[in-house]
Each structure stands twice: as C-alpha cells, then as structure tokens.
Amino acid sequence: MPTYDYRCPSNGARLEVRHGIEEQVTTWGELCRLAGQGPGDTPEDAPVERLITGTGYISSGNRSEPEPAGGCCGGVCGL
C-alpha cells in the first residue's frame, strides 16, 4: 500500500499515512483517522493537501548499486 504525505494549512501539521491509490483524503478528520491520532484543536472538516514527495523505486530484486553513467558521445562536454 502506498505511503502519502499530507499537510494541513490550518495548523501546519504534516502527517504520513498509508492508503489505497484510489482513496481520496480531503479533511483533517479523515487524515487523523488514517494516522490513528486525535484531531486536537483543529476542526475535523479543515482541508488538507497531499504533498508531492519522491519515492523509492526498485525495478528488480537485485539491490546492487547502479552502474555509473557513461561519458558523453563527443559533444560539447569535452570528454
């Protein structure tokens, strides 16, 4: 299940939660339920925004370091 980061503009909090790719999280209350915490003083209907974050990606079972990039093909880089 994917992990997503959300931010609540009302309180500045940032939370990381896991949910299905099709699931939409739009309020602080929904986000708090997924994170397993109470909403505190922030109204449960306060909007949240999903943050764009980098993800790790492994294309095969081999976790070795990738090969270094090759030199250029004789262009203007001087190699």
PDB file of N, CA and C in Angstrom:
ATOM      1  N   MET A   1       0.849  -1.168   0.000  1.00  0.00           N
ATOM      2  CA  MET A   1       0.000   0.000   0.000  1.00  0.00           C
ATOM      3  C   MET A   1       0.904   1.243   0.000  1.00  0.00           C
ATOM      4  N   PRO A   2       0.608   2.231  -0.855  1.00  0.00           N
ATOM      5  CA  PRO A   2       1.458   3.422  -0.942  1.00  0.00           C
ATOM      6  C   PRO A   2       1.395   4.300   0.305  1.00  0.00           C
ATOM      7  N   THR A   3       2.457   5.035   0.530  1.00  0.00           N
ATOM      8  CA  THR A   3       2.551   5.996   1.621  1.00  0.00           C
ATOM      9  C   THR A   3       2.439   7.399   1.040  1.00  0.00           C
ATOM     10  N   TYR A   4       1.651   8.241   1.684  1.00  0.00           N
ATOM     11  CA  TYR A   4       1.437   9.612   1.223  1.00  0.00           C
ATOM     12  C   TYR A   4       1.691  10.590   2.361  1.00  0.00           C
ATOM     13  N   ASP A   5       2.197  11.761   2.025  1.00  0.00           N
ATOM     14  CA  ASP A   5       2.380  12.850   2.983  1.00  0.00           C
ATOM     15  C   ASP A   5       1.300  13.893   2.736  1.00  0.00           C
ATOM     16  N   TYR A   6       0.717  14.373   3.819  1.00  0.00           N
ATOM     17  CA  TYR A   6      -0.314  15.411   3.759  1.00  0.00           C
ATOM     18  C   TYR A   6       0.072  16.551   4.680  1.00  0.00           C
ATOM     19  N   ARG A   7      -0.418  17.734   4.357  1.00  0.00           N
ATOM     20  CA  ARG A   7      -0.207  18.924   5.181  1.00  0.00           C
ATOM     21  C   ARG A   7      -1.549  19.596   5.417  1.00  0.00           C
ATOM     22  N   CYS A   8      -1.737  20.060   6.636  1.00  0.00           N
ATOM     23  CA  CYS A   8      -2.947  20.802   6.983  1.00  0.00           C
ATOM     24  C   CYS A   8      -2.577  22.282   7.091  1.00  0.00           C
ATOM     25  N   PRO A   9      -3.049  23.126   6.162  1.00  0.00           N
ATOM     26  CA  PRO A   9      -2.743  24.558   6.236  1.00  0.00           C
ATOM     27  C   PRO A   9      -3.275  25.230   7.508  1.00  0.00           C
ATOM     28  N   SER A  10      -4.332  24.697   8.099  1.00  0.00           N
ATOM     29  CA  SER A  10      -4.918  25.307   9.299  1.00  0.00           C
ATOM     30  C   SER A  10      -3.995  25.244  10.506  1.00  0.00           C
ATOM     31  N   ASN A  11      -3.236  24.143  10.626  1.00  0.00           N
ATOM     32  CA  ASN A  11      -2.371  24.003  11.800  1.00  0.00           C
ATOM     33  C   ASN A  11      -0.895  23.790  11.448  1.00  0.00           C
ATOM     34  N   GLY A  12      -0.587  23.666  10.154  1.00  0.00           N
ATOM     35  CA  GLY A  12       0.799  23.490   9.720  1.00  0.00           C
ATOM     36  C   GLY A  12       1.337  22.090   9.916  1.00  0.00           C
ATOM     37  N   ALA A  13       0.508  21.157  10.408  1.00  0.00           N
ATOM     38  CA  ALA A  13       0.969  19.796  10.668  1.00  0.00           C
ATOM     39  C   ALA A  13       1.154  19.027   9.366  1.00  0.00           C
ATOM     40  N   ARG A  14       2.112  18.123   9.403  1.00  0.00           N
ATOM     41  CA  ARG A  14       2.381  17.241   8.265  1.00  0.00           C
ATOM     42  C   ARG A  14       2.319  15.804   8.776  1.00  0.00           C
ATOM     43  N   LEU A  15       1.529  14.968   8.098  1.00  0.00           N
ATOM     44  CA  LEU A  15       1.375  13.577   8.512  1.00  0.00           C
ATOM     45  C   LEU A  15       1.637  12.654   7.332  1.00  0.00           C
ATOM     46  N   GLU A  16       2.198  11.493   7.629  1.00  0.00           N
ATOM     47  CA  GLU A  16       2.420  10.452   6.635  1.00  0.00           C
ATOM     48  C   GLU A  16       1.453   9.310   6.929  1.00  0.00           C
ATOM     49  N   VAL A  17       0.708   8.885   5.917  1.00  0.00           N
ATOM     50  CA  VAL A  17      -0.254   7.795   6.090  1.00  0.00           C
ATOM     51  C   VAL A  17      -0.171   6.847   4.900  1.00  0.00           C
ATOM     52  N   ARG A  18      -0.704   5.658   5.104  1.00  0.00           N
ATOM     53  CA  ARG A  18      -0.814   4.670   4.026  1.00  0.00           C
ATOM     54  C   ARG A  18      -2.278   4.503   3.675  1.00  0.00           C
ATOM     55  N   HIS A  19      -2.549   4.492   2.372  1.00  0.00           N
ATOM     56  CA  HIS A  19      -3.909   4.196   1.922  1.00  0.00           C
ATOM     57  C   HIS A  19      -3.869   3.791   0.461  1.00  0.00           C
ATOM     58  N   GLY A  20      -4.961   3.217   0.000  1.00  0.00           N
ATOM     59  CA  GLY A  20      -5.058   2.780  -1.386  1.00  0.00           C
ATOM     60  C   GLY A  20      -4.921   3.941  -2.355  1.00  0.00           C
ATOM     61  N   ILE A  21      -4.445   3.644  -3.543  1.00  0.00           N
ATOM     62  CA  ILE A  21      -4.186   4.669  -4.552  1.00  0.00           C
ATOM     63  C   ILE A  21      -5.456   5.391  -4.987  1.00  0.00           C
ATOM     64  N   GLU A  22      -6.594   4.726  -4.912  1.00  0.00           N
ATOM     65  CA  GLU A  22      -7.868   5.324  -5.323  1.00  0.00           C
ATOM     66  C   GLU A  22      -8.536   6.145  -4.220  1.00  0.00           C
ATOM     67  N   GLU A  23      -8.055   6.012  -2.988  1.00  0.00           N
ATOM     68  CA  GLU A  23      -8.684   6.696  -1.855  1.00  0.00           C
ATOM     69  C   GLU A  23      -8.339   8.186  -1.851  1.00  0.00           C
ATOM     70  N   GLN A  24      -9.325   9.017  -1.589  1.00  0.00           N
ATOM     71  CA  GLN A  24      -9.161  10.468  -1.516  1.00  0.00           C
ATOM     72  C   GLN A  24      -9.253  10.904  -0.050  1.00  0.00           C
ATOM     73  N   VAL A  25      -8.275  11.637   0.426  1.00  0.00           N
ATOM     74  CA  VAL A  25      -8.292  12.190   1.781  1.00  0.00           C
ATOM     75  C   VAL A  25      -8.350  13.707   1.629  1.00  0.00           C
ATOM     76  N   THR A  26      -9.420  14.317   2.124  1.00  0.00           N
ATOM     77  CA  THR A  26      -9.600  15.754   1.904  1.00  0.00           C
ATOM     78  C   THR A  26      -9.717  16.573   3.186  1.00  0.00           C
ATOM     79  N   THR A  27      -9.936  15.922   4.333  1.00  0.00           N
ATOM     80  CA  THR A  27     -10.121  16.679   5.577  1.00  0.00           C
ATOM     81  C   THR A  27      -9.168  16.205   6.671  1.00  0.00           C
ATOM     82  N   TRP A  28      -8.967  17.088   7.648  1.00  0.00           N
ATOM     83  CA  TRP A  28      -8.115  16.779   8.786  1.00  0.00           C
ATOM     84  C   TRP A  28      -8.648  15.575   9.567  1.00  0.00           C
ATOM     85  N   GLY A  29      -9.960  15.482   9.709  1.00  0.00           N
ATOM     86  CA  GLY A  29     -10.544  14.349  10.431  1.00  0.00           C
ATOM     87  C   GLY A  29     -10.250  13.019   9.746  1.00  0.00           C
ATOM     88  N   GLU A  30     -10.409  12.966   8.425  1.00  0.00           N
ATOM     89  CA  GLU A  30     -10.095  11.737   7.678  1.00  0.00           C
ATOM     90  C   GLU A  30      -8.621  11.381   7.843  1.00  0.00           C
ATOM     91  N   LEU A  31      -7.773  12.381   7.738  1.00  0.00           N
ATOM     92  CA  LEU A  31      -6.333  12.153   7.846  1.00  0.00           C
ATOM     93  C   LEU A  31      -5.958  11.641   9.232  1.00  0.00           C
ATOM     94  N   CYS A  32      -6.533  12.242  10.271  1.00  0.00           N
ATOM     95  CA  CYS A  32      -6.243  11.806  11.639  1.00  0.00           C
ATOM     96  C   CYS A  32      -6.691  10.373  11.878  1.00  0.00           C
ATOM     97  N   ARG A  33      -7.843   9.989  11.343  1.00  0.00           N
ATOM     98  CA  ARG A  33      -8.312   8.603  11.499  1.00  0.00           C
ATOM     99  C   ARG A  33      -7.337   7.630  10.842  1.00  0.00           C
ATOM    100  N   LEU A  34      -6.851   7.966   9.644  1.00  0.00           N
ATOM    101  CA  LEU A  34      -5.877   7.098   8.970  1.00  0.00           C
ATOM    102  C   LEU A  34      -4.564   7.017   9.739  1.00  0.00           C
ATOM    103  N   ALA A  35      -4.169   8.131  10.354  1.00  0.00           N
ATOM    104  CA  ALA A  35      -2.911   8.179  11.099  1.00  0.00           C
ATOM    105  C   ALA A  35      -3.046   7.599  12.505  1.00  0.00           C
ATOM    106  N   GLY A  36      -4.290   7.359  12.946  1.00  0.00           N
ATOM    107  CA  GLY A  36      -4.507   6.803  14.279  1.00  0.00           C
ATOM    108  C   GLY A  36      -4.271   7.807  15.393  1.00  0.00           C
ATOM    109  N   GLN A  37      -4.629   9.057  15.152  1.00  0.00           N
ATOM    110  CA  GLN A  37      -4.473  10.071  16.191  1.00  0.00           C
ATOM    111  C   GLN A  37      -5.701  10.962  16.237  1.00  0.00           C
ATOM    112  N   GLY A  38      -5.852  11.659  17.346  1.00  0.00           N
ATOM    113  CA  GLY A  38      -6.968  12.581  17.501  1.00  0.00           C
ATOM    114  C   GLY A  38      -6.721  13.882  16.757  1.00  0.00           C
ATOM    115  N   PRO A  39      -7.795  14.627  16.460  1.00  0.00           N
ATOM    116  CA  PRO A  39      -7.647  15.868  15.699  1.00  0.00           C
ATOM    117  C   PRO A  39      -7.127  17.053  16.507  1.00  0.00           C
ATOM    118  N   GLY A  40      -7.085  16.919  17.830  1.00  0.00           N
ATOM    119  CA  GLY A  40      -6.638  18.036  18.655  1.00  0.00           C
ATOM    120  C   GLY A  40      -7.599  19.210  18.550  1.00  0.00           C
ATOM    121  N   ASP A  41      -7.071  20.425  18.487  1.00  0.00           N
ATOM    122  CA  ASP A  41      -7.897  21.635  18.429  1.00  0.00           C
ATOM    123  C   ASP A  41      -8.325  22.000  17.011  1.00  0.00           C
ATOM    124  N   THR A  42      -7.814  21.298  16.011  1.00  0.00           N
ATOM    125  CA  THR A  42      -8.134  21.619  14.616  1.00  0.00           C
ATOM    126  C   THR A  42      -9.482  21.023  14.248  1.00  0.00           C
ATOM    127  N   PRO A  43     -10.363  21.793  13.617  1.00  0.00           N
ATOM    128  CA  PRO A  43     -11.663  21.249  13.192  1.00  0.00           C
ATOM    129  C   PRO A  43     -11.477  20.073  12.235  1.00  0.00           C
ATOM    130  N   GLU A  44     -12.296  19.048  12.421  1.00  0.00           N
ATOM    131  CA  GLU A  44     -12.170  17.855  11.590  1.00  0.00           C
ATOM    132  C   GLU A  44     -12.470  18.121  10.123  1.00  0.00           C
ATOM    133  N   ASP A  45     -13.227  19.188   9.828  1.00  0.00           N
ATOM    134  CA  ASP A  45     -13.545  19.477   8.430  1.00  0.00           C
ATOM    135  C   ASP A  45     -12.520  20.411   7.769  1.00  0.00           C
ATOM    136  N   ALA A  46     -11.416  20.708   8.475  1.00  0.00           N
ATOM    137  CA  ALA A  46     -10.363  21.545   7.886  1.00  0.00           C
ATOM    138  C   ALA A  46      -9.751  20.809   6.696  1.00  0.00           C
ATOM    139  N   PRO A  47      -9.545  21.502   5.580  1.00  0.00           N
ATOM    140  CA  PRO A  47      -8.997  20.836   4.400  1.00  0.00           C
ATOM    141  C   PRO A  47      -7.519  20.488   4.573  1.00  0.00           C
ATOM    142  N   VAL A  48      -7.101  19.430   3.897  1.00  0.00           N
ATOM    143  CA  VAL A  48      -5.693  19.035   3.855  1.00  0.00           C
ATOM    144  C   VAL A  48      -5.268  18.937   2.397  1.00  0.00           C
ATOM    145  N   GLU A  49      -3.968  19.015   2.184  1.00  0.00           N
ATOM    146  CA  GLU A  49      -3.438  18.893   0.830  1.00  0.00           C
ATOM    147  C   GLU A  49      -2.392  17.790   0.785  1.00  0.00           C
ATOM    148  N   ARG A  50      -2.450  16.986  -0.260  1.00  0.00           N
ATOM    149  CA  ARG A  50      -1.461  15.926  -0.433  1.00  0.00           C
ATOM    150  C   ARG A  50      -0.203  16.547  -1.009  1.00  0.00           C
ATOM    151  N   LEU A  51       0.931  16.201  -0.422  1.00  0.00           N
ATOM    152  CA  LEU A  51       2.213  16.737  -0.859  1.00  0.00           C
ATOM    153  C   LEU A  51       2.829  15.821  -1.901  1.00  0.00           C
ATOM    154  N   ILE A  52       3.559  16.407  -2.798  1.00  0.00           N
ATOM    155  CA  ILE A  52       4.283  15.618  -3.791  1.00  0.00           C
ATOM    156  C   ILE A  52       5.641  15.306  -3.193  1.00  0.00           C
ATOM    157  N   THR A  53       5.943  14.027  -3.072  1.00  0.00           N
ATOM    158  CA  THR A  53       7.208  13.608  -2.483  1.00  0.00           C
ATOM    159  C   THR A  53       7.880  12.614  -3.397  1.00  0.00           C
ATOM    160  N   GLY A  54       9.170  12.486  -3.248  1.00  0.00           N
ATOM    161  CA  GLY A  54       9.919  11.496  -4.013  1.00  0.00           C
ATOM    162  C   GLY A  54       9.624  10.106  -3.497  1.00  0.00           C
ATOM    163  N   THR A  55       9.762   9.138  -4.359  1.00  0.00           N
ATOM    164  CA  THR A  55       9.518   7.759  -3.963  1.00  0.00           C
ATOM    165  C   THR A  55      10.707   6.905  -4.333  1.00  0.00           C
ATOM    166  N   GLY A  56      10.921   5.859  -3.582  1.00  0.00           N
ATOM    167  CA  GLY A  56      11.930   4.885  -3.937  1.00  0.00           C
ATOM    168  C   GLY A  56      11.356   3.910  -4.942  1.00  0.00           C
ATOM    169  N   TYR A  57      12.193   3.467  -5.847  1.00  0.00           N
ATOM    170  CA  TYR A  57      11.717   2.539  -6.864  1.00  0.00           C
ATOM    171  C   TYR A  57      12.796   1.513  -7.111  1.00  0.00           C
ATOM    172  N   ILE A  58      12.462   0.251  -6.963  1.00  0.00           N
ATOM    173  CA  ILE A  58      13.379  -0.842  -7.261  1.00  0.00           C
ATOM    174  C   ILE A  58      12.775  -1.617  -8.410  1.00  0.00           C
ATOM    175  N   SER A  59      13.491  -1.676  -9.523  1.00  0.00           N
ATOM    176  CA  SER A  59      12.925  -2.298 -10.718  1.00  0.00           C
ATOM    177  C   SER A  59      13.145  -3.797 -10.767  1.00  0.00           C
ATOM    178  N   SER A  60      14.006  -4.339  -9.908  1.00  0.00           N
ATOM    179  CA  SER A  60      14.232  -5.778  -9.894  1.00  0.00           C
ATOM    180  C   SER A  60      14.592  -6.194  -8.480  1.00  0.00           C
ATOM    181  N   GLY A  61      14.754  -7.477  -8.285  1.00  0.00           N
ATOM    182  CA  GLY A  61      15.130  -7.983  -6.981  1.00  0.00           C
ATOM    183  C   GLY A  61      16.587  -7.724  -6.649  1.00  0.00           C
ATOM    184  N   ASN A  62      17.399  -7.317  -7.629  1.00  0.00           N
ATOM    185  CA  ASN A  62      18.808  -7.064  -7.407  1.00  0.00           C
ATOM    186  C   ASN A  62      18.977  -5.664  -6.840  1.00  0.00           C
ATOM    187  N   ARG A  63      19.445  -5.567  -5.617  1.00  0.00           N
ATOM    188  CA  ARG A  63      19.564  -4.256  -4.970  1.00  0.00           C
ATOM    189  C   ARG A  63      20.988  -3.714  -5.039  1.00  0.00           C
ATOM    190  N   SER A  64      21.759  -4.128  -6.017  1.00  0.00           N
ATOM    191  CA  SER A  64      23.118  -3.620  -6.137  1.00  0.00           C
ATOM    192  C   SER A  64      23.099  -2.177  -6.618  1.00  0.00           C
ATOM    193  N   GLU A  65      24.218  -1.510  -6.437  1.00  0.00           N
ATOM    194  CA  GLU A  65      24.328  -0.115  -6.869  1.00  0.00           C
ATOM    195  C   GLU A  65      24.237  -0.036  -8.387  1.00  0.00           C
ATOM    196  N   PRO A  66      23.611   1.011  -8.910  1.00  0.00           N
ATOM    197  CA  PRO A  66      23.528   1.158 -10.361  1.00  0.00           C
ATOM    198  C   PRO A  66      24.893   1.441 -10.962  1.00  0.00           C
ATOM    199  N   GLU A  67      25.066   1.094 -12.216  1.00  0.00           N
ATOM    200  CA  GLU A  67      26.306   1.364 -12.928  1.00  0.00           C
ATOM    201  C   GLU A  67      26.464   2.871 -13.103  1.00  0.00           C
ATOM    202  N   PRO A  68      27.718   3.365 -13.069  1.00  0.00           N
ATOM    203  CA  PRO A  68      27.902   4.796 -13.297  1.00  0.00           C
ATOM    204  C   PRO A  68      27.525   5.169 -14.724  1.00  0.00           C
ATOM    205  N   ALA A  69      27.118   6.413 -14.896  1.00  0.00           N
ATOM    206  CA  ALA A  69      26.754   6.877 -16.228  1.00  0.00           C
ATOM    207  C   ALA A  69      27.994   6.925 -17.106  1.00  0.00           C
ATOM    208  N   GLY A  70      27.822   6.623 -18.384  1.00  0.00           N
ATOM    209  CA  GLY A  70      28.935   6.672 -19.329  1.00  0.00           C
ATOM    210  C   GLY A  70      29.246   8.102 -19.723  1.00  0.00           C
ATOM    211  N   GLY A  71      30.386   8.267 -20.409  1.00  0.00           N
ATOM    212  CA  GLY A  71      30.768   9.584 -20.903  1.00  0.00           C
ATOM    213  C   GLY A  71      29.843  10.012 -22.029  1.00  0.00           C
ATOM    214  N   CYS A  72      29.971  11.259 -22.410  1.00  0.00           N
ATOM    215  CA  CYS A  72      29.115  11.742 -23.491  1.00  0.00           C
ATOM    216  C   CYS A  72      29.613  11.208 -24.827  1.00  0.00           C
ATOM    217  N   CYS A  73      28.916  11.478 -25.858  1.00  0.00           N
ATOM    218  CA  CYS A  73      29.236  10.920 -27.180  1.00  0.00           C
ATOM    219  C   CYS A  73      30.094  11.870 -28.005  1.00  0.00           C
ATOM    220  N   GLY A  74      30.949  12.663 -27.373  1.00  0.00           N
ATOM    221  CA  GLY A  74      31.839  13.552 -28.107  1.00  0.00           C
ATOM    222  C   GLY A  74      31.244  14.910 -28.389  1.00  0.00           C
ATOM    223  N   GLY A  75      30.230  15.282 -27.639  1.00  0.00           N
ATOM    224  CA  GLY A  75      29.603  16.595 -27.827  1.00  0.00           C
ATOM    225  C   GLY A  75      30.438  17.696 -27.201  1.00  0.00           C
ATOM    226  N   VAL A  76      29.805  18.719 -26.729  1.00  0.00           N
ATOM    227  CA  VAL A  76      30.498  19.890 -26.214  1.00  0.00           C
ATOM    228  C   VAL A  76      30.966  19.752 -24.771  1.00  0.00           C
ATOM    229  N   CYS A  77      30.786  18.596 -24.160  1.00  0.00           N
ATOM    230  CA  CYS A  77      31.184  18.455 -22.755  1.00  0.00           C
ATOM    231  C   CYS A  77      32.687  18.293 -22.598  1.00  0.00           C
ATOM    232  N   GLY A  78      33.427  18.008 -23.670  1.00  0.00           N
ATOM    233  CA  GLY A  78      34.877  17.908 -23.589  1.00  0.00           C
ATOM    234  C   GLY A  78      35.396  16.511 -23.325  1.00  0.00           C
ATOM    235  N   LEU A  79      34.553  15.515 -23.219  1.00  0.00           N
ATOM    236  CA  LEU A  79      35.030  14.139 -22.993  1.00  0.00           C
ATOM    237  C   LEU A  79      35.269  13.424 -24.287  1.00  0.00           C
TER     238      LEU A  79
END
